[in-house]
Structures are given as structure tokens and as C-alpha cells.
Amino acid sequence: MKPGGTVTQPTTEEVTEELVLLATHLLNCARGLFNEPQAYGPIRCLDAARRTFIIAEKAGLRDERLADIRARLDDFMCGPMEYHDLSDFLDELCAALLTALKGSDVLSSAGGERG
């Protein structure tokens, strides 16, 4: 943010760096799955989703419903350790994401590469 409170758009280089760091995180997570407890996989995926939303917001995404999902992910990953039924939490997040995307113009109708 610039002095005076104006928001600056990230450069292509900044977004590229964030994406490379995300890919690095994902590859590290994938490698760790062989030696870590089974529950770490879903938690690492939650963190990757949180990081992805951060990159999208830095790139200019402004959607209150998606920001709410990211806030829930932030609370889960960075907040106090509490008991969560991880499966139920993921179900809630997936339902919230589906609802948010249905009422949004975030996804293009043209598609693109889907994995």
C-alpha cells in the first residue's frame, strides 16, 4: 500500500514470484505426504488454498464471499489450535466456495486449462 492509503497493483514479477513460491510449497507438501501423518495432507491442502486466495487478492480479486472463505482458512491455519472435525470443515468450505462462485463473475465461461 502506498503512503496515503492507496492500494498498488502488484507487478507481474511479484505475482510470478508468489506463484512460484506456491508451487514450491505444493511440491514440498507432496513430498512430505510419504512420511507425515495422514491428517497432514488435508491440512496442507487447506494452507495451499489459503495461499492461493492471498495471491488472487494481491492480483486484484475483490469478492467478499471469497474473502470470508479465506478468513476462515486464516483462522484455521493461524488461530488457536482447536478441535475441528476436518471433514465437516472441508464440507462447509466447499459448499461456501460453490455458492460464492455460482454468484460470481470470477470464473470465465470460456474455461481454460482445467485440471
PDB file of N, CA and C in Angstrom:
ATOM      1  N   MET A   1       0.843  -1.162   0.000  1.00  0.00           N
ATOM      2  CA  MET A   1       0.000   0.000   0.000  1.00  0.00           C
ATOM      3  C   MET A   1       0.892   1.230   0.000  1.00  0.00           C
ATOM      4  N   LYS A   2       0.558   2.191  -0.810  1.00  0.00           N
ATOM      5  CA  LYS A   2       1.315   3.430  -0.867  1.00  0.00           C
ATOM      6  C   LYS A   2       0.960   4.312   0.318  1.00  0.00           C
ATOM      7  N   PRO A   3       1.862   5.270   0.672  1.00  0.00           N
ATOM      8  CA  PRO A   3       1.507   6.228   1.712  1.00  0.00           C
ATOM      9  C   PRO A   3       0.221   6.949   1.317  1.00  0.00           C
ATOM     10  N   GLY A   4      -0.635   7.196   2.292  1.00  0.00           N
ATOM     11  CA  GLY A   4      -1.896   7.849   1.997  1.00  0.00           C
ATOM     12  C   GLY A   4      -3.019   6.845   1.810  1.00  0.00           C
ATOM     13  N   GLY A   5      -2.697   5.534   1.894  1.00  0.00           N
ATOM     14  CA  GLY A   5      -3.720   4.505   1.875  1.00  0.00           C
ATOM     15  C   GLY A   5      -4.144   4.001   0.506  1.00  0.00           C
ATOM     16  N   THR A   6      -3.470   4.397  -0.568  1.00  0.00           N
ATOM     17  CA  THR A   6      -3.874   3.888  -1.879  1.00  0.00           C
ATOM     18  C   THR A   6      -3.279   2.500  -2.102  1.00  0.00           C
ATOM     19  N   VAL A   7      -4.043   1.659  -2.721  1.00  0.00           N
ATOM     20  CA  VAL A   7      -3.611   0.293  -2.993  1.00  0.00           C
ATOM     21  C   VAL A   7      -2.857   0.261  -4.313  1.00  0.00           C
ATOM     22  N   THR A   8      -1.733  -0.443  -4.310  1.00  0.00           N
ATOM     23  CA  THR A   8      -0.958  -0.575  -5.544  1.00  0.00           C
ATOM     24  C   THR A   8      -1.165  -1.967  -6.122  1.00  0.00           C
ATOM     25  N   GLN A   9      -1.238  -2.057  -7.425  1.00  0.00           N
ATOM     26  CA  GLN A   9      -1.349  -3.338  -8.104  1.00  0.00           C
ATOM     27  C   GLN A   9       0.019  -4.004  -8.093  1.00  0.00           C
ATOM     28  N   PRO A  10       0.049  -5.305  -7.822  1.00  0.00           N
ATOM     29  CA  PRO A  10       1.343  -5.989  -7.858  1.00  0.00           C
ATOM     30  C   PRO A  10       1.847  -6.073  -9.289  1.00  0.00           C
ATOM     31  N   THR A  11       3.145  -6.162  -9.395  1.00  0.00           N
ATOM     32  CA  THR A  11       3.738  -6.320 -10.721  1.00  0.00           C
ATOM     33  C   THR A  11       3.626  -7.773 -11.161  1.00  0.00           C
ATOM     34  N   THR A  12       3.813  -7.990 -12.438  1.00  0.00           N
ATOM     35  CA  THR A  12       3.824  -9.359 -12.957  1.00  0.00           C
ATOM     36  C   THR A  12       4.902 -10.167 -12.257  1.00  0.00           C
ATOM     37  N   GLU A  13       6.034  -9.546 -11.985  1.00  0.00           N
ATOM     38  CA  GLU A  13       7.125 -10.244 -11.311  1.00  0.00           C
ATOM     39  C   GLU A  13       6.725 -10.660  -9.901  1.00  0.00           C
ATOM     40  N   GLU A  14       6.001  -9.788  -9.185  1.00  0.00           N
ATOM     41  CA  GLU A  14       5.564 -10.118  -7.829  1.00  0.00           C
ATOM     42  C   GLU A  14       4.576 -11.279  -7.831  1.00  0.00           C
ATOM     43  N   VAL A  15       3.633 -11.251  -8.756  1.00  0.00           N
ATOM     44  CA  VAL A  15       2.657 -12.336  -8.846  1.00  0.00           C
ATOM     45  C   VAL A  15       3.351 -13.624  -9.256  1.00  0.00           C
ATOM     46  N   THR A  16       4.276 -13.531 -10.198  1.00  0.00           N
ATOM     47  CA  THR A  16       5.029 -14.709 -10.628  1.00  0.00           C
ATOM     48  C   THR A  16       5.799 -15.302  -9.453  1.00  0.00           C
ATOM     49  N   GLU A  17       6.448 -14.455  -8.672  1.00  0.00           N
ATOM     50  CA  GLU A  17       7.190 -14.936  -7.506  1.00  0.00           C
ATOM     51  C   GLU A  17       6.255 -15.656  -6.535  1.00  0.00           C
ATOM     52  N   GLU A  18       5.096 -15.083  -6.270  1.00  0.00           N
ATOM     53  CA  GLU A  18       4.131 -15.711  -5.362  1.00  0.00           C
ATOM     54  C   GLU A  18       3.678 -17.066  -5.901  1.00  0.00           C
ATOM     55  N   LEU A  19       3.452 -17.150  -7.206  1.00  0.00           N
ATOM     56  CA  LEU A  19       3.027 -18.416  -7.807  1.00  0.00           C
ATOM     57  C   LEU A  19       4.132 -19.469  -7.738  1.00  0.00           C
ATOM     58  N   VAL A  20       5.375 -19.063  -7.953  1.00  0.00           N
ATOM     59  CA  VAL A  20       6.498 -19.997  -7.851  1.00  0.00           C
ATOM     60  C   VAL A  20       6.640 -20.474  -6.401  1.00  0.00           C
ATOM     61  N   LEU A  21       6.467 -19.570  -5.452  1.00  0.00           N
ATOM     62  CA  LEU A  21       6.525 -19.972  -4.048  1.00  0.00           C
ATOM     63  C   LEU A  21       5.383 -20.937  -3.706  1.00  0.00           C
ATOM     64  N   LEU A  22       4.204 -20.712  -4.272  1.00  0.00           N
ATOM     65  CA  LEU A  22       3.082 -21.626  -4.052  1.00  0.00           C
ATOM     66  C   LEU A  22       3.396 -22.995  -4.651  1.00  0.00           C
ATOM     67  N   ALA A  23       3.927 -23.026  -5.863  1.00  0.00           N
ATOM     68  CA  ALA A  23       4.293 -24.300  -6.486  1.00  0.00           C
ATOM     69  C   ALA A  23       5.347 -25.023  -5.646  1.00  0.00           C
ATOM     70  N   THR A  24       6.302 -24.275  -5.111  1.00  0.00           N
ATOM     71  CA  THR A  24       7.327 -24.849  -4.243  1.00  0.00           C
ATOM     72  C   THR A  24       6.678 -25.455  -3.002  1.00  0.00           C
ATOM     73  N   HIS A  25       5.742 -24.725  -2.417  1.00  0.00           N
ATOM     74  CA  HIS A  25       5.014 -25.225  -1.246  1.00  0.00           C
ATOM     75  C   HIS A  25       4.281 -26.517  -1.588  1.00  0.00           C
ATOM     76  N   LEU A  26       3.600 -26.545  -2.724  1.00  0.00           N
ATOM     77  CA  LEU A  26       2.844 -27.731  -3.119  1.00  0.00           C
ATOM     78  C   LEU A  26       3.747 -28.936  -3.345  1.00  0.00           C
ATOM     79  N   LEU A  27       4.888 -28.718  -3.999  1.00  0.00           N
ATOM     80  CA  LEU A  27       5.820 -29.821  -4.230  1.00  0.00           C
ATOM     81  C   LEU A  27       6.390 -30.341  -2.910  1.00  0.00           C
ATOM     82  N   ASN A  28       6.717 -29.427  -2.001  1.00  0.00           N
ATOM     83  CA  ASN A  28       7.208 -29.822  -0.689  1.00  0.00           C
ATOM     84  C   ASN A  28       6.138 -30.608   0.063  1.00  0.00           C
ATOM     85  N   CYS A  29       4.900 -30.157  -0.032  1.00  0.00           N
ATOM     86  CA  CYS A  29       3.784 -30.870   0.606  1.00  0.00           C
ATOM     87  C   CYS A  29       3.639 -32.268   0.027  1.00  0.00           C
ATOM     88  N   ALA A  30       3.693 -32.360  -1.284  1.00  0.00           N
ATOM     89  CA  ALA A  30       3.549 -33.665  -1.930  1.00  0.00           C
ATOM     90  C   ALA A  30       4.630 -34.621  -1.456  1.00  0.00           C
ATOM     91  N   ARG A  31       5.846 -34.133  -1.376  1.00  0.00           N
ATOM     92  CA  ARG A  31       6.948 -34.996  -0.929  1.00  0.00           C
ATOM     93  C   ARG A  31       6.756 -35.408   0.524  1.00  0.00           C
ATOM     94  N   GLY A  32       6.289 -34.490   1.340  1.00  0.00           N
ATOM     95  CA  GLY A  32       6.097 -34.786   2.753  1.00  0.00           C
ATOM     96  C   GLY A  32       5.014 -35.805   3.030  1.00  0.00           C
ATOM     97  N   LEU A  33       4.067 -35.955   2.121  1.00  0.00           N
ATOM     98  CA  LEU A  33       2.956 -36.876   2.349  1.00  0.00           C
ATOM     99  C   LEU A  33       3.407 -38.319   2.576  1.00  0.00           C
ATOM    100  N   PHE A  34       4.555 -38.688   2.052  1.00  0.00           N
ATOM    101  CA  PHE A  34       5.038 -40.058   2.209  1.00  0.00           C
ATOM    102  C   PHE A  34       5.465 -40.365   3.646  1.00  0.00           C
ATOM    103  N   ASN A  35       5.880 -39.343   4.390  1.00  0.00           N
ATOM    104  CA  ASN A  35       6.442 -39.567   5.725  1.00  0.00           C
ATOM    105  C   ASN A  35       5.647 -38.924   6.851  1.00  0.00           C
ATOM    106  N   GLU A  36       4.633 -38.169   6.527  1.00  0.00           N
ATOM    107  CA  GLU A  36       3.878 -37.440   7.548  1.00  0.00           C
ATOM    108  C   GLU A  36       2.604 -38.193   7.917  1.00  0.00           C
ATOM    109  N   PRO A  37       2.037 -37.851   9.061  1.00  0.00           N
ATOM    110  CA  PRO A  37       0.743 -38.442   9.417  1.00  0.00           C
ATOM    111  C   PRO A  37      -0.307 -38.127   8.350  1.00  0.00           C
ATOM    112  N   GLN A  38      -1.249 -39.029   8.171  1.00  0.00           N
ATOM    113  CA  GLN A  38      -2.255 -38.906   7.120  1.00  0.00           C
ATOM    114  C   GLN A  38      -3.030 -37.594   7.205  1.00  0.00           C
ATOM    115  N   ALA A  39      -3.315 -37.100   8.387  1.00  0.00           N
ATOM    116  CA  ALA A  39      -4.112 -35.878   8.541  1.00  0.00           C
ATOM    117  C   ALA A  39      -3.394 -34.636   8.022  1.00  0.00           C
ATOM    118  N   TYR A  40      -2.068 -34.701   7.847  1.00  0.00           N
ATOM    119  CA  TYR A  40      -1.345 -33.533   7.360  1.00  0.00           C
ATOM    120  C   TYR A  40      -1.717 -33.172   5.927  1.00  0.00           C
ATOM    121  N   GLY A  41      -2.058 -34.163   5.111  1.00  0.00           N
ATOM    122  CA  GLY A  41      -2.393 -33.902   3.706  1.00  0.00           C
ATOM    123  C   GLY A  41      -3.513 -32.897   3.551  1.00  0.00           C
ATOM    124  N   PRO A  42      -4.679 -33.145   4.180  1.00  0.00           N
ATOM    125  CA  PRO A  42      -5.773 -32.164   4.069  1.00  0.00           C
ATOM    126  C   PRO A  42      -5.399 -30.797   4.635  1.00  0.00           C
ATOM    127  N   ILE A  43      -4.639 -30.787   5.714  1.00  0.00           N
ATOM    128  CA  ILE A  43      -4.246 -29.507   6.315  1.00  0.00           C
ATOM    129  C   ILE A  43      -3.330 -28.743   5.374  1.00  0.00           C
ATOM    130  N   ARG A  44      -2.409 -29.436   4.722  1.00  0.00           N
ATOM    131  CA  ARG A  44      -1.531 -28.776   3.759  1.00  0.00           C
ATOM    132  C   ARG A  44      -2.321 -28.253   2.568  1.00  0.00           C
ATOM    133  N   CYS A  45      -3.356 -28.992   2.156  1.00  0.00           N
ATOM    134  CA  CYS A  45      -4.219 -28.511   1.063  1.00  0.00           C
ATOM    135  C   CYS A  45      -4.984 -27.256   1.485  1.00  0.00           C
ATOM    136  N   LEU A  46      -5.458 -27.225   2.724  1.00  0.00           N
ATOM    137  CA  LEU A  46      -6.128 -26.026   3.237  1.00  0.00           C
ATOM    138  C   LEU A  46      -5.176 -24.828   3.191  1.00  0.00           C
ATOM    139  N   ASP A  47      -3.931 -25.055   3.606  1.00  0.00           N
ATOM    140  CA  ASP A  47      -2.960 -23.962   3.588  1.00  0.00           C
ATOM    141  C   ASP A  47      -2.672 -23.509   2.162  1.00  0.00           C
ATOM    142  N   ALA A  48      -2.583 -24.444   1.223  1.00  0.00           N
ATOM    143  CA  ALA A  48      -2.345 -24.072  -0.176  1.00  0.00           C
ATOM    144  C   ALA A  48      -3.519 -23.265  -0.726  1.00  0.00           C
ATOM    145  N   ALA A  49      -4.743 -23.644  -0.365  1.00  0.00           N
ATOM    146  CA  ALA A  49      -5.915 -22.869  -0.791  1.00  0.00           C
ATOM    147  C   ALA A  49      -5.859 -21.466  -0.209  1.00  0.00           C
ATOM    148  N   ARG A  50      -5.493 -21.364   1.061  1.00  0.00           N
ATOM    149  CA  ARG A  50      -5.369 -20.049   1.710  1.00  0.00           C
ATOM    150  C   ARG A  50      -4.335 -19.196   0.993  1.00  0.00           C
ATOM    151  N   ARG A  51      -3.194 -19.775   0.678  1.00  0.00           N
ATOM    152  CA  ARG A  51      -2.138 -19.038  -0.018  1.00  0.00           C
ATOM    153  C   ARG A  51      -2.594 -18.604  -1.417  1.00  0.00           C
ATOM    154  N   THR A  52      -3.373 -19.456  -2.070  1.00  0.00           N
ATOM    155  CA  THR A  52      -3.882 -19.130  -3.402  1.00  0.00           C
ATOM    156  C   THR A  52      -4.827 -17.942  -3.344  1.00  0.00           C
ATOM    157  N   PHE A  53      -5.715 -17.929  -2.350  1.00  0.00           N
ATOM    158  CA  PHE A  53      -6.612 -16.776  -2.192  1.00  0.00           C
ATOM    159  C   PHE A  53      -5.819 -15.492  -1.930  1.00  0.00           C
ATOM    160  N   ILE A  54      -4.745 -15.584  -1.179  1.00  0.00           N
ATOM    161  CA  ILE A  54      -3.905 -14.409  -0.912  1.00  0.00           C
ATOM    162  C   ILE A  54      -3.325 -13.880  -2.229  1.00  0.00           C
ATOM    163  N   ILE A  55      -2.823 -14.776  -3.062  1.00  0.00           N
ATOM    164  CA  ILE A  55      -2.269 -14.360  -4.358  1.00  0.00           C
ATOM    165  C   ILE A  55      -3.357 -13.717  -5.211  1.00  0.00           C
ATOM    166  N   ALA A  56      -4.539 -14.323  -5.259  1.00  0.00           N
ATOM    167  CA  ALA A  56      -5.640 -13.768  -6.048  1.00  0.00           C
ATOM    168  C   ALA A  56      -6.022 -12.378  -5.558  1.00  0.00           C
ATOM    169  N   GLU A  57      -6.047 -12.193  -4.236  1.00  0.00           N
ATOM    170  CA  GLU A  57      -6.364 -10.869  -3.689  1.00  0.00           C
ATOM    171  C   GLU A  57      -5.283  -9.855  -4.046  1.00  0.00           C
ATOM    172  N   LYS A  58      -4.024 -10.259  -3.971  1.00  0.00           N
ATOM    173  CA  LYS A  58      -2.930  -9.365  -4.352  1.00  0.00           C
ATOM    174  C   LYS A  58      -3.019  -8.985  -5.826  1.00  0.00           C
ATOM    175  N   ALA A  59      -3.540  -9.900  -6.633  1.00  0.00           N
ATOM    176  CA  ALA A  59      -3.668  -9.649  -8.075  1.00  0.00           C
ATOM    177  C   ALA A  59      -4.920  -8.846  -8.412  1.00  0.00           C
ATOM    178  N   GLY A  60      -5.740  -8.535  -7.401  1.00  0.00           N
ATOM    179  CA  GLY A  60      -6.879  -7.662  -7.643  1.00  0.00           C
ATOM    180  C   GLY A  60      -8.249  -8.268  -7.408  1.00  0.00           C
ATOM    181  N   LEU A  61      -8.339  -9.535  -7.010  1.00  0.00           N
ATOM    182  CA  LEU A  61      -9.638 -10.151  -6.748  1.00  0.00           C
ATOM    183  C   LEU A  61     -10.307  -9.454  -5.572  1.00  0.00           C
ATOM    184  N   ARG A  62     -11.522  -8.990  -5.792  1.00  0.00           N
ATOM    185  CA  ARG A  62     -12.306  -8.361  -4.738  1.00  0.00           C
ATOM    186  C   ARG A  62     -13.668  -9.035  -4.711  1.00  0.00           C
ATOM    187  N   ASP A  63     -13.808 -10.019  -3.842  1.00  0.00           N
ATOM    188  CA  ASP A  63     -15.070 -10.734  -3.700  1.00  0.00           C
ATOM    189  C   ASP A  63     -15.242 -11.038  -2.213  1.00  0.00           C
ATOM    190  N   GLU A  64     -16.259 -10.463  -1.629  1.00  0.00           N
ATOM    191  CA  GLU A  64     -16.456 -10.574  -0.183  1.00  0.00           C
ATOM    192  C   GLU A  64     -16.650 -12.022   0.271  1.00  0.00           C
ATOM    193  N   ARG A  65     -17.381 -12.805  -0.518  1.00  0.00           N
ATOM    194  CA  ARG A  65     -17.624 -14.202  -0.124  1.00  0.00           C
ATOM    195  C   ARG A  65     -16.336 -15.015  -0.158  1.00  0.00           C
ATOM    196  N   LEU A  66     -15.497 -14.776  -1.157  1.00  0.00           N
ATOM    197  CA  LEU A  66     -14.222 -15.489  -1.215  1.00  0.00           C
ATOM    198  C   LEU A  66     -13.283 -15.002  -0.111  1.00  0.00           C
ATOM    199  N   ALA A  67     -13.354 -13.711   0.199  1.00  0.00           N
ATOM    200  CA  ALA A  67     -12.552 -13.179   1.300  1.00  0.00           C
ATOM    201  C   ALA A  67     -12.982 -13.800   2.629  1.00  0.00           C
ATOM    202  N   ASP A  68     -14.276 -14.058   2.792  1.00  0.00           N
ATOM    203  CA  ASP A  68     -14.763 -14.715   4.006  1.00  0.00           C
ATOM    204  C   ASP A  68     -14.214 -16.138   4.117  1.00  0.00           C
ATOM    205  N   ILE A  69     -14.159 -16.842   2.990  1.00  0.00           N
ATOM    206  CA  ILE A  69     -13.602 -18.197   2.995  1.00  0.00           C
ATOM    207  C   ILE A  69     -12.125 -18.136   3.365  1.00  0.00           C
ATOM    208  N   ARG A  70     -11.425 -17.183   2.785  1.00  0.00           N
ATOM    209  CA  ARG A  70     -10.002 -17.039   3.130  1.00  0.00           C
ATOM    210  C   ARG A  70      -9.835 -16.729   4.606  1.00  0.00           C
ATOM    211  N   ALA A  71     -10.702 -15.882   5.169  1.00  0.00           N
ATOM    212  CA  ALA A  71     -10.619 -15.543   6.589  1.00  0.00           C
ATOM    213  C   ALA A  71     -10.819 -16.795   7.457  1.00  0.00           C
ATOM    214  N   ARG A  72     -11.730 -17.657   7.040  1.00  0.00           N
ATOM    215  CA  ARG A  72     -11.942 -18.911   7.781  1.00  0.00           C
ATOM    216  C   ARG A  72     -10.700 -19.792   7.696  1.00  0.00           C
ATOM    217  N   LEU A  73     -10.065 -19.808   6.528  1.00  0.00           N
ATOM    218  CA  LEU A  73      -8.823 -20.569   6.375  1.00  0.00           C
ATOM    219  C   LEU A  73      -7.712 -19.966   7.231  1.00  0.00           C
ATOM    220  N   ASP A  74      -7.625 -18.632   7.251  1.00  0.00           N
ATOM    221  CA  ASP A  74      -6.639 -17.962   8.107  1.00  0.00           C
ATOM    222  C   ASP A  74      -6.846 -18.345   9.564  1.00  0.00           C
ATOM    223  N   ASP A  75      -8.105 -18.295  10.011  1.00  0.00           N
ATOM    224  CA  ASP A  75      -8.406 -18.640  11.402  1.00  0.00           C
ATOM    225  C   ASP A  75      -7.988 -20.074  11.709  1.00  0.00           C
ATOM    226  N   PHE A  76      -8.281 -20.973  10.781  1.00  0.00           N
ATOM    227  CA  PHE A  76      -7.936 -22.375  10.992  1.00  0.00           C
ATOM    228  C   PHE A  76      -6.424 -22.567  11.056  1.00  0.00           C
ATOM    229  N   MET A  77      -5.705 -21.969  10.097  1.00  0.00           N
ATOM    230  CA  MET A  77      -4.267 -22.198   9.990  1.00  0.00           C
ATOM    231  C   MET A  77      -3.452 -21.383  10.992  1.00  0.00           C
ATOM    232  N   CYS A  78      -3.920 -20.188  11.326  1.00  0.00           N
ATOM    233  CA  CYS A  78      -3.103 -19.271  12.122  1.00  0.00           C
ATOM    234  C   CYS A  78      -3.679 -18.988  13.510  1.00  0.00           C
ATOM    235  N   GLY A  79      -4.900 -19.419  13.738  1.00  0.00           N
ATOM    236  CA  GLY A  79      -5.550 -19.154  15.014  1.00  0.00           C
ATOM    237  C   GLY A  79      -5.163 -20.171  16.063  1.00  0.00           C
ATOM    238  N   PRO A  80      -5.835 -20.086  17.212  1.00  0.00           N
ATOM    239  CA  PRO A  80      -5.545 -21.054  18.272  1.00  0.00           C
ATOM    240  C   PRO A  80      -5.918 -22.463  17.824  1.00  0.00           C
ATOM    241  N   MET A  81      -5.143 -23.413  18.263  1.00  0.00           N
ATOM    242  CA  MET A  81      -5.399 -24.808  17.912  1.00  0.00           C
ATOM    243  C   MET A  81      -6.644 -25.271  18.664  1.00  0.00           C
ATOM    244  N   GLU A  82      -7.652 -25.599  17.916  1.00  0.00           N
ATOM    245  CA  GLU A  82      -8.897 -26.087  18.479  1.00  0.00           C
ATOM    246  C   GLU A  82      -9.255 -27.374  17.769  1.00  0.00           C
ATOM    247  N   TYR A  83     -10.119 -28.141  18.396  1.00  0.00           N
ATOM    248  CA  TYR A  83     -10.581 -29.350  17.740  1.00  0.00           C
ATOM    249  C   TYR A  83     -11.518 -28.965  16.611  1.00  0.00           C
ATOM    250  N   HIS A  84     -11.277 -29.500  15.444  1.00  0.00           N
ATOM    251  CA  HIS A  84     -12.156 -29.330  14.288  1.00  0.00           C
ATOM    252  C   HIS A  84     -12.409 -30.703  13.703  1.00  0.00           C
ATOM    253  N   ASP A  85     -13.640 -30.952  13.323  1.00  0.00           N
ATOM    254  CA  ASP A  85     -13.896 -32.123  12.505  1.00  0.00           C
ATOM    255  C   ASP A  85     -13.495 -31.700  11.108  1.00  0.00           C
ATOM    256  N   LEU A  86     -12.327 -32.128  10.685  1.00  0.00           N
ATOM    257  CA  LEU A  86     -11.741 -31.642   9.438  1.00  0.00           C
ATOM    258  C   LEU A  86     -12.634 -31.938   8.246  1.00  0.00           C
ATOM    259  N   SER A  87     -13.257 -33.091   8.231  1.00  0.00           N
ATOM    260  CA  SER A  87     -14.142 -33.447   7.125  1.00  0.00           C
ATOM    261  C   SER A  87     -15.335 -32.494   7.048  1.00  0.00           C
ATOM    262  N   ASP A  88     -15.949 -32.205   8.187  1.00  0.00           N
ATOM    263  CA  ASP A  88     -17.080 -31.264   8.210  1.00  0.00           C
ATOM    264  C   ASP A  88     -16.640 -29.864   7.809  1.00  0.00           C
ATOM    265  N   PHE A  89     -15.467 -29.446   8.301  1.00  0.00           N
ATOM    266  CA  PHE A  89     -14.944 -28.126   7.968  1.00  0.00           C
ATOM    267  C   PHE A  89     -14.725 -27.999   6.463  1.00  0.00           C
ATOM    268  N   LEU A  90     -14.144 -29.032   5.863  1.00  0.00           N
ATOM    269  CA  LEU A  90     -13.928 -29.020   4.410  1.00  0.00           C
ATOM    270  C   LEU A  90     -15.253 -29.011   3.656  1.00  0.00           C
ATOM    271  N   ASP A  91     -16.241 -29.777   4.130  1.00  0.00           N
ATOM    272  CA  ASP A  91     -17.565 -29.760   3.500  1.00  0.00           C
ATOM    273  C   ASP A  91     -18.160 -28.360   3.526  1.00  0.00           C
ATOM    274  N   GLU A  92     -18.042 -27.685   4.679  1.00  0.00           N
ATOM    275  CA  GLU A  92     -18.564 -26.318   4.806  1.00  0.00           C
ATOM    276  C   GLU A  92     -17.851 -25.365   3.845  1.00  0.00           C
ATOM    277  N   LEU A  93     -16.530 -25.466   3.781  1.00  0.00           N
ATOM    278  CA  LEU A  93     -15.766 -24.581   2.902  1.00  0.00           C
ATOM    279  C   LEU A  93     -16.080 -24.838   1.435  1.00  0.00           C
ATOM    280  N   CYS A  94     -16.194 -26.102   1.060  1.00  0.00           N
ATOM    281  CA  CYS A  94     -16.514 -26.436  -0.336  1.00  0.00           C
ATOM    282  C   CYS A  94     -17.899 -25.909  -0.708  1.00  0.00           C
ATOM    283  N   ALA A  95     -18.859 -26.044   0.190  1.00  0.00           N
ATOM    284  CA  ALA A  95     -20.211 -25.533  -0.076  1.00  0.00           C
ATOM    285  C   ALA A  95     -20.190 -24.009  -0.187  1.00  0.00           C
ATOM    286  N   ALA A  96     -19.453 -23.340   0.696  1.00  0.00           N
ATOM    287  CA  ALA A  96     -19.360 -21.885   0.645  1.00  0.00           C
ATOM    288  C   ALA A  96     -18.683 -21.432  -0.644  1.00  0.00           C
ATOM    289  N   LEU A  97     -17.653 -22.145  -1.063  1.00  0.00           N
ATOM    290  CA  LEU A  97     -16.952 -21.796  -2.298  1.00  0.00           C
ATOM    291  C   LEU A  97     -17.862 -21.986  -3.512  1.00  0.00           C
ATOM    292  N   LEU A  98     -18.589 -23.082  -3.552  1.00  0.00           N
ATOM    293  CA  LEU A  98     -19.510 -23.319  -4.656  1.00  0.00           C
ATOM    294  C   LEU A  98     -20.563 -22.217  -4.737  1.00  0.00           C
ATOM    295  N   THR A  99     -21.133 -21.850  -3.607  1.00  0.00           N
ATOM    296  CA  THR A  99     -22.125 -20.773  -3.568  1.00  0.00           C
ATOM    297  C   THR A  99     -21.509 -19.459  -4.035  1.00  0.00           C
ATOM    298  N   ALA A 100     -20.301 -19.158  -3.557  1.00  0.00           N
ATOM    299  CA  ALA A 100     -19.635 -17.916  -3.940  1.00  0.00           C
ATOM    300  C   ALA A 100     -19.361 -17.868  -5.431  1.00  0.00           C
ATOM    301  N   LEU A 101     -18.903 -18.973  -5.986  1.00  0.00           N
ATOM    302  CA  LEU A 101     -18.553 -18.989  -7.405  1.00  0.00           C
ATOM    303  C   LEU A 101     -19.784 -18.970  -8.305  1.00  0.00           C
ATOM    304  N   LYS A 102     -20.880 -19.579  -7.857  1.00  0.00           N
ATOM    305  CA  LYS A 102     -22.114 -19.554  -8.652  1.00  0.00           C
ATOM    306  C   LYS A 102     -22.629 -18.137  -8.837  1.00  0.00           C
ATOM    307  N   GLY A 103     -22.469 -17.300  -7.818  1.00  0.00           N
ATOM    308  CA  GLY A 103     -22.968 -15.933  -7.898  1.00  0.00           C
ATOM    309  C   GLY A 103     -21.894 -14.929  -8.234  1.00  0.00           C
ATOM    310  N   SER A 104     -20.850 -15.371  -8.907  1.00  0.00           N
ATOM    311  CA  SER A 104     -19.687 -14.518  -9.149  1.00  0.00           C
ATOM    312  C   SER A 104     -19.317 -14.523 -10.626  1.00  0.00           C
ATOM    313  N   ASP A 105     -18.561 -13.507 -11.029  1.00  0.00           N
ATOM    314  CA  ASP A 105     -18.026 -13.485 -12.382  1.00  0.00           C
ATOM    315  C   ASP A 105     -16.527 -13.788 -12.362  1.00  0.00           C
ATOM    316  N   VAL A 106     -16.056 -14.426 -11.282  1.00  0.00           N
ATOM    317  CA  VAL A 106     -14.635 -14.734 -11.138  1.00  0.00           C
ATOM    318  C   VAL A 106     -14.162 -15.718 -12.185  1.00  0.00           C
ATOM    319  N   LEU A 107     -14.978 -16.742 -12.480  1.00  0.00           N
ATOM    320  CA  LEU A 107     -14.602 -17.734 -13.473  1.00  0.00           C
ATOM    321  C   LEU A 107     -15.139 -17.331 -14.833  1.00  0.00           C
ATOM    322  N   SER A 108     -14.310 -17.448 -15.840  1.00  0.00           N
ATOM    323  CA  SER A 108     -14.768 -17.112 -17.175  1.00  0.00           C
ATOM    324  C   SER A 108     -15.568 -18.263 -17.749  1.00  0.00           C
ATOM    325  N   SER A 109     -16.516 -17.941 -18.592  1.00  0.00           N
ATOM    326  CA  SER A 109     -17.305 -19.002 -19.235  1.00  0.00           C
ATOM    327  C   SER A 109     -16.501 -19.684 -20.321  1.00  0.00           C
ATOM    328  N   ALA A 110     -15.413 -19.071 -20.760  1.00  0.00           N
ATOM    329  CA  ALA A 110     -14.569 -19.658 -21.802  1.00  0.00           C
ATOM    330  C   ALA A 110     -13.784 -20.853 -21.283  1.00  0.00           C
ATOM    331  N   GLY A 111     -13.636 -20.944 -19.970  1.00  0.00           N
ATOM    332  CA  GLY A 111     -12.916 -22.082 -19.402  1.00  0.00           C
ATOM    333  C   GLY A 111     -11.453 -21.800 -19.320  1.00  0.00           C
ATOM    334  N   GLY A 112     -10.695 -22.573 -19.965  1.00  0.00           N
ATOM    335  CA  GLY A 112      -9.242 -22.505 -19.839  1.00  0.00           C
ATOM    336  C   GLY A 112      -8.765 -23.881 -19.460  1.00  0.00           C
ATOM    337  N   GLU A 113      -7.520 -23.976 -19.074  1.00  0.00           N
ATOM    338  CA  GLU A 113      -6.985 -25.285 -18.710  1.00  0.00           C
ATOM    339  C   GLU A 113      -7.554 -25.689 -17.362  1.00  0.00           C
ATOM    340  N   ARG A 114      -8.188 -26.796 -17.317  1.00  0.00           N
ATOM    341  CA  ARG A 114      -8.763 -27.328 -16.078  1.00  0.00           C
ATOM    342  C   ARG A 114      -8.041 -28.620 -15.741  1.00  0.00           C
ATOM    343  N   GLY A 115      -7.725 -28.780 -14.460  1.00  0.00           N
ATOM    344  CA  GLY A 115      -7.013 -29.984 -14.043  1.00  0.00           C
ATOM    345  C   GLY A 115      -7.850 -30.883 -13.222  1.00  0.00           C
TER     346      GLY A 115
END
